[in-house]
């Protein structure tokens, strides 16, 4: 039973990641709009895969490592997206490089 639950969670997480990647490729918008497709990967797909892997491996050092890595991804993902958006805006001369954040 737990094996089936973990496979379902990992499969759902992978499906979210694939859907986000395909959506970013298919949409005919600018880079700023495509940047929004990163959010489901860091905030939905990563935790779903991590929960599935933790259920499969059991609670121990492996699960702790998985939770630590996905926790860092969950926290750093929005920061990296904001920094990437700001860098793109500076490259497009929409924001001055010395402007306050």
PDB file of N, CA and C in Angstrom:
ATOM      1  N   UNK A   1       0.825  -1.197   0.000  1.00  0.00           N
ATOM      2  CA  UNK A   1       0.000   0.000   0.000  1.00  0.00           C
ATOM      3  C   UNK A   1       0.873   1.266   0.000  1.00  0.00           C
ATOM      4  N   UNK A   2       1.885   1.313   0.882  1.00  0.00           N
ATOM      5  CA  UNK A   2       2.749   2.486   0.936  1.00  0.00           C
ATOM      6  C   UNK A   2       3.549   2.661  -0.358  1.00  0.00           C
ATOM      7  N   UNK A   3       3.919   1.541  -0.958  1.00  0.00           N
ATOM      8  CA  UNK A   3       4.648   1.610  -2.218  1.00  0.00           C
ATOM      9  C   UNK A   3       3.793   2.268  -3.296  1.00  0.00           C
ATOM     10  N   UNK A   4       2.514   1.928  -3.348  1.00  0.00           N
ATOM     11  CA  UNK A   4       1.614   2.515  -4.338  1.00  0.00           C
ATOM     12  C   UNK A   4       1.408   4.006  -4.093  1.00  0.00           C
ATOM     13  N   UNK A   5       1.303   4.396  -2.826  1.00  0.00           N
ATOM     14  CA  UNK A   5       1.145   5.809  -2.479  1.00  0.00           C
ATOM     15  C   UNK A   5       2.391   6.592  -2.873  1.00  0.00           C
ATOM     16  N   UNK A   6       3.559   6.032  -2.585  1.00  0.00           N
ATOM     17  CA  UNK A   6       4.799   6.732  -2.927  1.00  0.00           C
ATOM     18  C   UNK A   6       4.964   6.847  -4.442  1.00  0.00           C
ATOM     19  N   UNK A   7       4.618   5.798  -5.175  1.00  0.00           N
ATOM     20  CA  UNK A   7       4.675   5.885  -6.636  1.00  0.00           C
ATOM     21  C   UNK A   7       3.707   6.926  -7.184  1.00  0.00           C
ATOM     22  N   UNK A   8       2.535   7.005  -6.589  1.00  0.00           N
ATOM     23  CA  UNK A   8       1.556   7.997  -7.032  1.00  0.00           C
ATOM     24  C   UNK A   8       2.060   9.415  -6.773  1.00  0.00           C
ATOM     25  N   UNK A   9       2.649   9.657  -5.609  1.00  0.00           N
ATOM     26  CA  UNK A   9       3.158  10.991  -5.292  1.00  0.00           C
ATOM     27  C   UNK A   9       4.325  11.382  -6.192  1.00  0.00           C
ATOM     28  N   UNK A  10       5.254  10.457  -6.399  1.00  0.00           N
ATOM     29  CA  UNK A  10       6.385  10.739  -7.286  1.00  0.00           C
ATOM     30  C   UNK A  10       5.894  10.965  -8.713  1.00  0.00           C
ATOM     31  N   UNK A  11       4.968  10.135  -9.161  1.00  0.00           N
ATOM     32  CA  UNK A  11       4.413  10.302 -10.504  1.00  0.00           C
ATOM     33  C   UNK A  11       3.693  11.630 -10.672  1.00  0.00           C
ATOM     34  N   UNK A  12       2.951  12.034  -9.649  1.00  0.00           N
ATOM     35  CA  UNK A  12       2.255  13.321  -9.704  1.00  0.00           C
ATOM     36  C   UNK A  12       3.248  14.475  -9.725  1.00  0.00           C
ATOM     37  N   UNK A  13       4.299  14.372  -8.934  1.00  0.00           N
ATOM     38  CA  UNK A  13       5.330  15.409  -8.934  1.00  0.00           C
ATOM     39  C   UNK A  13       6.034  15.517 -10.271  1.00  0.00           C
ATOM     40  N   UNK A  14       6.350  14.388 -10.862  1.00  0.00           N
ATOM     41  CA  UNK A  14       6.990  14.387 -12.180  1.00  0.00           C
ATOM     42  C   UNK A  14       6.033  14.950 -13.231  1.00  0.00           C
ATOM     43  N   UNK A  15       4.757  14.619 -13.129  1.00  0.00           N
ATOM     44  CA  UNK A  15       3.772  15.147 -14.081  1.00  0.00           C
ATOM     45  C   UNK A  15       3.668  16.665 -13.978  1.00  0.00           C
ATOM     46  N   UNK A  16       3.714  17.199 -12.762  1.00  0.00           N
ATOM     47  CA  UNK A  16       3.680  18.656 -12.582  1.00  0.00           C
ATOM     48  C   UNK A  16       4.915  19.295 -13.202  1.00  0.00           C
ATOM     49  N   UNK A  17       6.081  18.691 -12.993  1.00  0.00           N
ATOM     50  CA  UNK A  17       7.321  19.231 -13.557  1.00  0.00           C
ATOM     51  C   UNK A  17       7.295  19.196 -15.080  1.00  0.00           C
ATOM     52  N   UNK A  18       6.815  18.098 -15.649  1.00  0.00           N
ATOM     53  CA  UNK A  18       6.738  17.989 -17.101  1.00  0.00           C
ATOM     54  C   UNK A  18       5.724  18.977 -17.666  1.00  0.00           C
ATOM     55  N   UNK A  19       4.582  19.111 -17.004  1.00  0.00           N
ATOM     56  CA  UNK A  19       3.564  20.061 -17.469  1.00  0.00           C
ATOM     57  C   UNK A  19       4.092  21.493 -17.429  1.00  0.00           C
ATOM     58  N   UNK A  20       4.854  21.839 -16.410  1.00  0.00           N
ATOM     59  CA  UNK A  20       5.426  23.179 -16.328  1.00  0.00           C
ATOM     60  C   UNK A  20       6.449  23.407 -17.428  1.00  0.00           C
ATOM     61  N   UNK A  21       7.286  22.420 -17.681  1.00  0.00           N
ATOM     62  CA  UNK A  21       8.294  22.555 -18.736  1.00  0.00           C
ATOM     63  C   UNK A  21       7.643  22.667 -20.104  1.00  0.00           C
ATOM     64  N   UNK A  22       6.644  21.837 -20.362  1.00  0.00           N
ATOM     65  CA  UNK A  22       5.949  21.896 -21.652  1.00  0.00           C
ATOM     66  C   UNK A  22       5.197  23.221 -21.784  1.00  0.00           C
ATOM     67  N   UNK A  23       4.588  23.673 -20.711  1.00  0.00           N
ATOM     68  CA  UNK A  23       3.884  24.956 -20.743  1.00  0.00           C
ATOM     69  C   UNK A  23       4.816  26.109 -21.046  1.00  0.00           C
ATOM     70  N   UNK A  24       6.002  26.078 -20.459  1.00  0.00           N
ATOM     71  CA  UNK A  24       6.976  27.142 -20.723  1.00  0.00           C
ATOM     72  C   UNK A  24       7.451  27.105 -22.170  1.00  0.00           C
ATOM     73  N   UNK A  25       7.537  25.916 -22.748  1.00  0.00           N
ATOM     74  CA  UNK A  25       7.961  25.811 -24.148  1.00  0.00           C
ATOM     75  C   UNK A  25       6.860  26.199 -25.120  1.00  0.00           C
ATOM     76  N   UNK A  26       5.629  25.827 -24.819  1.00  0.00           N
ATOM     77  CA  UNK A  26       4.527  26.009 -25.753  1.00  0.00           C
ATOM     78  C   UNK A  26       4.015  27.449 -25.768  1.00  0.00           C
ATOM     79  N   UNK A  27       3.982  28.084 -24.602  1.00  0.00           N
ATOM     80  CA  UNK A  27       3.403  29.424 -24.534  1.00  0.00           C
ATOM     81  C   UNK A  27       4.239  30.387 -25.378  1.00  0.00           C
ATOM     82  N   UNK A  28       3.590  31.218 -26.091  1.00  0.00           N
ATOM     83  CA  UNK A  28       4.281  32.139 -26.982  1.00  0.00           C
ATOM     84  C   UNK A  28       4.487  33.501 -26.358  1.00  0.00           C
ATOM     85  N   UNK A  29       4.813  33.549 -25.096  1.00  0.00           N
ATOM     86  CA  UNK A  29       4.957  34.822 -24.390  1.00  0.00           C
ATOM     87  C   UNK A  29       6.430  35.171 -24.198  1.00  0.00           C
ATOM     88  N   UNK A  30       6.643  36.264 -23.507  1.00  0.00           N
ATOM     89  CA  UNK A  30       8.004  36.709 -23.259  1.00  0.00           C
ATOM     90  C   UNK A  30       8.643  35.923 -22.116  1.00  0.00           C
ATOM     91  N   UNK A  31       9.878  36.219 -21.853  1.00  0.00           N
ATOM     92  CA  UNK A  31      10.639  35.483 -20.835  1.00  0.00           C
ATOM     93  C   UNK A  31      10.074  35.688 -19.437  1.00  0.00           C
ATOM     94  N   UNK A  32       9.501  36.864 -19.190  1.00  0.00           N
ATOM     95  CA  UNK A  32       8.952  37.143 -17.863  1.00  0.00           C
ATOM     96  C   UNK A  32       7.759  36.232 -17.555  1.00  0.00           C
ATOM     97  N   UNK A  33       6.934  35.997 -18.544  1.00  0.00           N
ATOM     98  CA  UNK A  33       5.792  35.105 -18.353  1.00  0.00           C
ATOM     99  C   UNK A  33       6.252  33.663 -18.204  1.00  0.00           C
ATOM    100  N   UNK A  34       7.221  33.265 -18.996  1.00  0.00           N
ATOM    101  CA  UNK A  34       7.732  31.887 -18.900  1.00  0.00           C
ATOM    102  C   UNK A  34       8.419  31.633 -17.573  1.00  0.00           C
ATOM    103  N   UNK A  35       8.949  32.676 -16.949  1.00  0.00           N
ATOM    104  CA  UNK A  35       9.611  32.512 -15.654  1.00  0.00           C
ATOM    105  C   UNK A  35       8.636  32.030 -14.580  1.00  0.00           C
ATOM    106  N   UNK A  36       7.354  32.345 -14.743  1.00  0.00           N
ATOM    107  CA  UNK A  36       6.348  31.903 -13.778  1.00  0.00           C
ATOM    108  C   UNK A  36       6.165  30.386 -13.777  1.00  0.00           C
ATOM    109  N   UNK A  37       6.565  29.716 -14.834  1.00  0.00           N
ATOM    110  CA  UNK A  37       6.421  28.267 -14.901  1.00  0.00           C
ATOM    111  C   UNK A  37       7.434  27.534 -14.022  1.00  0.00           C
ATOM    112  N   UNK A  38       8.388  28.248 -13.460  1.00  0.00           N
ATOM    113  CA  UNK A  38       9.354  27.634 -12.541  1.00  0.00           C
ATOM    114  C   UNK A  38       8.712  27.391 -11.177  1.00  0.00           C
ATOM    115  N   UNK A  39       7.774  28.232 -10.794  1.00  0.00           N
ATOM    116  CA  UNK A  39       7.171  28.158  -9.462  1.00  0.00           C
ATOM    117  C   UNK A  39       6.523  26.809  -9.154  1.00  0.00           C
ATOM    118  N   UNK A  40       5.719  26.216 -10.041  1.00  0.00           N
ATOM    119  CA  UNK A  40       5.143  24.908  -9.693  1.00  0.00           C
ATOM    120  C   UNK A  40       6.196  23.818  -9.491  1.00  0.00           C
ATOM    121  N   UNK A  41       7.325  23.952 -10.153  1.00  0.00           N
ATOM    122  CA  UNK A  41       8.367  22.937  -9.993  1.00  0.00           C
ATOM    123  C   UNK A  41       8.978  23.019  -8.610  1.00  0.00           C
ATOM    124  N   UNK A  42       9.279  24.238  -8.154  1.00  0.00           N
ATOM    125  CA  UNK A  42       9.938  24.371  -6.853  1.00  0.00           C
ATOM    126  C   UNK A  42       8.978  24.256  -5.679  1.00  0.00           C
ATOM    127  N   UNK A  43       7.708  24.628  -5.873  1.00  0.00           N
ATOM    128  CA  UNK A  43       6.797  24.625  -4.729  1.00  0.00           C
ATOM    129  C   UNK A  43       5.799  23.478  -4.714  1.00  0.00           C
ATOM    130  N   UNK A  44       5.613  22.776  -5.830  1.00  0.00           N
ATOM    131  CA  UNK A  44       4.658  21.663  -5.858  1.00  0.00           C
ATOM    132  C   UNK A  44       5.354  20.348  -6.215  1.00  0.00           C
ATOM    133  N   UNK A  45       6.051  20.333  -7.345  1.00  0.00           N
ATOM    134  CA  UNK A  45       6.649  19.081  -7.822  1.00  0.00           C
ATOM    135  C   UNK A  45       7.727  18.573  -6.871  1.00  0.00           C
ATOM    136  N   UNK A  46       8.598  19.458  -6.429  1.00  0.00           N
ATOM    137  CA  UNK A  46       9.674  19.041  -5.520  1.00  0.00           C
ATOM    138  C   UNK A  46       9.157  18.417  -4.233  1.00  0.00           C
ATOM    139  N   UNK A  47       8.243  19.099  -3.513  1.00  0.00           N
ATOM    140  CA  UNK A  47       7.708  18.487  -2.296  1.00  0.00           C
ATOM    141  C   UNK A  47       6.949  17.180  -2.533  1.00  0.00           C
ATOM    142  N   UNK A  48       6.216  17.077  -3.644  1.00  0.00           N
ATOM    143  CA  UNK A  48       5.499  15.824  -3.921  1.00  0.00           C
ATOM    144  C   UNK A  48       6.477  14.666  -4.125  1.00  0.00           C
ATOM    145  N   UNK A  49       7.522  14.914  -4.901  1.00  0.00           N
ATOM    146  CA  UNK A  49       8.529  13.867  -5.116  1.00  0.00           C
ATOM    147  C   UNK A  49       9.222  13.532  -3.804  1.00  0.00           C
ATOM    148  N   UNK A  50       9.527  14.544  -3.010  1.00  0.00           N
ATOM    149  CA  UNK A  50      10.212  14.299  -1.737  1.00  0.00           C
ATOM    150  C   UNK A  50       9.358  13.476  -0.778  1.00  0.00           C
ATOM    151  N   UNK A  51       8.089  13.789  -0.687  1.00  0.00           N
ATOM    152  CA  UNK A  51       7.197  13.022   0.195  1.00  0.00           C
ATOM    153  C   UNK A  51       7.107  11.577  -0.284  1.00  0.00           C
ATOM    154  N   UNK A  52       6.985  11.394  -1.589  1.00  0.00           N
ATOM    155  CA  UNK A  52       6.933  10.036  -2.130  1.00  0.00           C
ATOM    156  C   UNK A  52       8.203   9.260  -1.852  1.00  0.00           C
ATOM    157  N   UNK A  53       9.355   9.899  -2.018  1.00  0.00           N
ATOM    158  CA  UNK A  53      10.623   9.219  -1.742  1.00  0.00           C
ATOM    159  C   UNK A  53      10.797   8.919  -0.258  1.00  0.00           C
ATOM    160  N   UNK A  54      10.353   9.833   0.602  1.00  0.00           N
ATOM    161  CA  UNK A  54      10.446   9.593   2.049  1.00  0.00           C
ATOM    162  C   UNK A  54       9.549   8.440   2.483  1.00  0.00           C
ATOM    163  N   UNK A  55       8.371   8.347   1.902  1.00  0.00           N
ATOM    164  CA  UNK A  55       7.478   7.230   2.222  1.00  0.00           C
ATOM    165  C   UNK A  55       8.113   5.918   1.777  1.00  0.00           C
ATOM    166  N   UNK A  56       8.721   5.928   0.596  1.00  0.00           N
ATOM    167  CA  UNK A  56       9.324   4.707   0.061  1.00  0.00           C
ATOM    168  C   UNK A  56      10.546   4.281   0.864  1.00  0.00           C
ATOM    169  N   UNK A  57      11.401   5.233   1.226  1.00  0.00           N
ATOM    170  CA  UNK A  57      12.653   4.870   1.902  1.00  0.00           C
ATOM    171  C   UNK A  57      12.493   4.684   3.398  1.00  0.00           C
ATOM    172  N   UNK A  58      11.415   5.176   3.966  1.00  0.00           N
ATOM    173  CA  UNK A  58      11.247   5.091   5.407  1.00  0.00           C
ATOM    174  C   UNK A  58      11.942   6.261   6.087  1.00  0.00           C
ATOM    175  N   UNK A  59      11.654   6.446   7.356  1.00  0.00           N
ATOM    176  CA  UNK A  59      12.204   7.582   8.077  1.00  0.00           C
ATOM    177  C   UNK A  59      13.593   7.236   8.590  1.00  0.00           C
ATOM    178  N   UNK A  60      14.550   7.974   8.143  1.00  0.00           N
ATOM    179  CA  UNK A  60      15.946   7.768   8.528  1.00  0.00           C
ATOM    180  C   UNK A  60      16.800   8.875   7.964  1.00  0.00           C
ATOM    181  N   UNK A  61      18.085   8.609   7.842  1.00  0.00           N
ATOM    182  CA  UNK A  61      19.011   9.616   7.345  1.00  0.00           C
ATOM    183  C   UNK A  61      18.726   9.966   5.881  1.00  0.00           C
ATOM    184  N   UNK A  62      18.281   9.003   5.106  1.00  0.00           N
ATOM    185  CA  UNK A  62      17.954   9.274   3.702  1.00  0.00           C
ATOM    186  C   UNK A  62      16.781  10.239   3.604  1.00  0.00           C
ATOM    187  N   UNK A  63      15.744  10.001   4.379  1.00  0.00           N
ATOM    188  CA  UNK A  63      14.582  10.891   4.371  1.00  0.00           C
ATOM    189  C   UNK A  63      14.965  12.278   4.875  1.00  0.00           C
ATOM    190  N   UNK A  64      15.821  12.331   5.875  1.00  0.00           N
ATOM    191  CA  UNK A  64      16.273  13.629   6.372  1.00  0.00           C
ATOM    192  C   UNK A  64      17.028  14.418   5.323  1.00  0.00           C
ATOM    193  N   UNK A  65      17.858  13.739   4.572  1.00  0.00           N
ATOM    194  CA  UNK A  65      18.607  14.397   3.502  1.00  0.00           C
ATOM    195  C   UNK A  65      17.667  14.897   2.411  1.00  0.00           C
ATOM    196  N   UNK A  66      16.694  14.083   2.052  1.00  0.00           N
ATOM    197  CA  UNK A  66      15.723  14.478   1.025  1.00  0.00           C
ATOM    198  C   UNK A  66      14.938  15.699   1.489  1.00  0.00           C
ATOM    199  N   UNK A  67      14.486  15.679   2.735  1.00  0.00           N
ATOM    200  CA  UNK A  67      13.714  16.804   3.266  1.00  0.00           C
ATOM    201  C   UNK A  67      14.560  18.072   3.323  1.00  0.00           C
ATOM    202  N   UNK A  68      15.814  17.951   3.697  1.00  0.00           N
ATOM    203  CA  UNK A  68      16.705  19.110   3.739  1.00  0.00           C
ATOM    204  C   UNK A  68      16.893  19.713   2.353  1.00  0.00           C
ATOM    205  N   UNK A  69      17.160  18.882   1.373  1.00  0.00           N
ATOM    206  CA  UNK A  69      17.384  19.371   0.011  1.00  0.00           C
ATOM    207  C   UNK A  69      16.130  20.030  -0.553  1.00  0.00           C
ATOM    208  N   UNK A  70      14.979  19.413  -0.389  1.00  0.00           N
ATOM    209  CA  UNK A  70      13.749  19.982  -0.926  1.00  0.00           C
ATOM    210  C   UNK A  70      13.340  21.225  -0.143  1.00  0.00           C
ATOM    211  N   UNK A  71      13.625  21.254   1.145  1.00  0.00           N
ATOM    212  CA  UNK A  71      13.370  22.468   1.920  1.00  0.00           C
ATOM    213  C   UNK A  71      14.194  23.640   1.418  1.00  0.00           C
ATOM    214  N   UNK A  72      15.463  23.384   1.112  1.00  0.00           N
ATOM    215  CA  UNK A  72      16.304  24.440   0.546  1.00  0.00           C
ATOM    216  C   UNK A  72      15.791  24.880  -0.826  1.00  0.00           C
ATOM    217  N   UNK A  73      15.357  23.936  -1.638  1.00  0.00           N
ATOM    218  CA  UNK A  73      14.783  24.269  -2.949  1.00  0.00           C
ATOM    219  C   UNK A  73      13.517  25.092  -2.781  1.00  0.00           C
ATOM    220  N   UNK A  74      12.685  24.729  -1.824  1.00  0.00           N
ATOM    221  CA  UNK A  74      11.422  25.420  -1.577  1.00  0.00           C
ATOM    222  C   UNK A  74      11.664  26.870  -1.160  1.00  0.00           C
ATOM    223  N   UNK A  75      12.715  27.094  -0.368  1.00  0.00           N
ATOM    224  CA  UNK A  75      13.029  28.443   0.107  1.00  0.00           C
ATOM    225  C   UNK A  75      13.799  29.236  -0.953  1.00  0.00           C
ATOM    226  N   UNK A  76      14.739  28.600  -1.617  1.00  0.00           N
ATOM    227  CA  UNK A  76      15.601  29.310  -2.568  1.00  0.00           C
ATOM    228  C   UNK A  76      14.958  29.507  -3.931  1.00  0.00           C
ATOM    229  N   UNK A  77      13.956  28.721  -4.284  1.00  0.00           N
ATOM    230  CA  UNK A  77      13.324  28.834  -5.594  1.00  0.00           C
ATOM    231  C   UNK A  77      12.735  30.202  -5.879  1.00  0.00           C
ATOM    232  N   UNK A  78      11.899  30.750  -4.987  1.00  0.00           N
ATOM    233  CA  UNK A  78      11.353  32.092  -5.247  1.00  0.00           C
ATOM    234  C   UNK A  78      12.430  33.177  -5.290  1.00  0.00           C
ATOM    235  N   UNK A  79      13.448  33.050  -4.468  1.00  0.00           N
ATOM    236  CA  UNK A  79      14.535  34.034  -4.469  1.00  0.00           C
ATOM    237  C   UNK A  79      15.293  33.986  -5.788  1.00  0.00           C
ATOM    238  N   UNK A  80      15.570  32.793  -6.274  1.00  0.00           N
ATOM    239  CA  UNK A  80      16.267  32.655  -7.547  1.00  0.00           C
ATOM    240  C   UNK A  80      15.406  33.166  -8.705  1.00  0.00           C
ATOM    241  N   UNK A  81      14.098  32.938  -8.646  1.00  0.00           N
ATOM    242  CA  UNK A  81      13.212  33.443  -9.692  1.00  0.00           C
ATOM    243  C   UNK A  81      13.170  34.968  -9.699  1.00  0.00           C
ATOM    244  N   UNK A  82      13.105  35.569  -8.511  1.00  0.00           N
ATOM    245  CA  UNK A  82      13.098  37.026  -8.429  1.00  0.00           C
ATOM    246  C   UNK A  82      14.411  37.614  -8.933  1.00  0.00           C
ATOM    247  N   UNK A  83      15.516  36.985  -8.576  1.00  0.00           N
ATOM    248  CA  UNK A  83      16.814  37.464  -9.046  1.00  0.00           C
ATOM    249  C   UNK A  83      16.943  37.319 -10.556  1.00  0.00           C
ATOM    250  N   UNK A  84      16.443  36.233 -11.097  1.00  0.00           N
ATOM    251  CA  UNK A  84      16.479  36.037 -12.545  1.00  0.00           C
ATOM    252  C   UNK A  84      15.615  37.074 -13.252  1.00  0.00           C
ATOM    253  N   UNK A  85      14.433  37.343 -12.720  1.00  0.00           N
ATOM    254  CA  UNK A  85      13.559  38.359 -13.313  1.00  0.00           C
ATOM    255  C   UNK A  85      14.191  39.737 -13.271  1.00  0.00           C
ATOM    256  N   UNK A  86      14.842  40.065 -12.163  1.00  0.00           N
ATOM    257  CA  UNK A  86      15.515  41.361 -12.060  1.00  0.00           C
ATOM    258  C   UNK A  86      16.674  41.459 -13.046  1.00  0.00           C
ATOM    259  N   UNK A  87      17.430  40.397 -13.187  1.00  0.00           N
ATOM    260  CA  UNK A  87      18.541  40.392 -14.130  1.00  0.00           C
ATOM    261  C   UNK A  87      18.040  40.552 -15.573  1.00  0.00           C
ATOM    262  N   UNK A  88      16.929  39.884 -15.901  1.00  0.00           N
ATOM    263  CA  UNK A  88      16.355  40.039 -17.241  1.00  0.00           C
ATOM    264  C   UNK A  88      15.869  41.467 -17.461  1.00  0.00           C
ATOM    265  N   UNK A  89      15.266  42.070 -16.427  1.00  0.00           N
ATOM    266  CA  UNK A  89      14.789  43.447 -16.552  1.00  0.00           C
ATOM    267  C   UNK A  89      15.955  44.413 -16.722  1.00  0.00           C
ATOM    268  N   UNK A  90      17.058  44.168 -16.035  1.00  0.00           N
ATOM    269  CA  UNK A  90      18.237  45.011 -16.210  1.00  0.00           C
ATOM    270  C   UNK A  90      18.822  44.843 -17.608  1.00  0.00           C
ATOM    271  N   UNK A  91      18.847  43.629 -18.111  1.00  0.00           N
ATOM    272  CA  UNK A  91      19.372  43.389 -19.456  1.00  0.00           C
ATOM    273  C   UNK A  91      18.497  44.037 -20.515  1.00  0.00           C
ATOM    274  N   UNK A  92      17.185  44.116 -20.268  1.00  0.00           N
ATOM    275  CA  UNK A  92      16.263  44.745 -21.208  1.00  0.00           C
ATOM    276  C   UNK A  92      16.139  46.246 -20.990  1.00  0.00           C
ATOM    277  N   UNK A  93      16.914  46.792 -20.053  1.00  0.00           N
ATOM    278  CA  UNK A  93      16.910  48.219 -19.709  1.00  0.00           C
ATOM    279  C   UNK A  93      15.546  48.679 -19.199  1.00  0.00           C
ATOM    280  N   UNK A  94      14.812  47.795 -18.558  1.00  0.00           N
ATOM    281  CA  UNK A  94      13.537  48.171 -17.941  1.00  0.00           C
ATOM    282  C   UNK A  94      13.742  48.645 -16.514  1.00  0.00           C
ATOM    283  N   UNK A  95      14.865  48.244 -15.917  1.00  0.00           N
ATOM    284  CA  UNK A  95      15.211  48.632 -14.555  1.00  0.00           C
ATOM    285  C   UNK A  95      16.665  49.069 -14.579  1.00  0.00           C
ATOM    286  N   UNK A  96      16.942  50.180 -13.913  1.00  0.00           N
ATOM    287  CA  UNK A  96      18.326  50.631 -13.825  1.00  0.00           C
ATOM    288  C   UNK A  96      19.080  49.711 -12.879  1.00  0.00           C
ATOM    289  N   UNK A  97      20.329  49.449 -13.191  1.00  0.00           N
ATOM    290  CA  UNK A  97      21.101  48.495 -12.388  1.00  0.00           C
ATOM    291  C   UNK A  97      21.357  48.988 -10.974  1.00  0.00           C
ATOM    292  N   UNK A  98      21.306  50.298 -10.757  1.00  0.00           N
ATOM    293  CA  UNK A  98      21.537  50.854  -9.416  1.00  0.00           C
ATOM    294  C   UNK A  98      20.237  51.201  -8.706  1.00  0.00           C
ATOM    295  N   UNK A  99      19.109  50.838  -9.290  1.00  0.00           N
ATOM    296  CA  UNK A  99      17.823  51.137  -8.664  1.00  0.00           C
ATOM    297  C   UNK A  99      17.650  50.300  -7.408  1.00  0.00           C
ATOM    298  N   UNK A 100      16.947  50.827  -6.417  1.00  0.00           N
ATOM    299  CA  UNK A 100      16.727  50.030  -5.210  1.00  0.00           C
ATOM    300  C   UNK A 100      15.848  48.826  -5.500  1.00  0.00           C
ATOM    301  N   UNK A 101      16.071  47.791  -4.739  1.00  0.00           N
ATOM    302  CA  UNK A 101      15.308  46.575  -4.950  1.00  0.00           C
ATOM    303  C   UNK A 101      14.021  46.734  -4.230  1.00  0.00           C
TER     304      UNK A 101
END
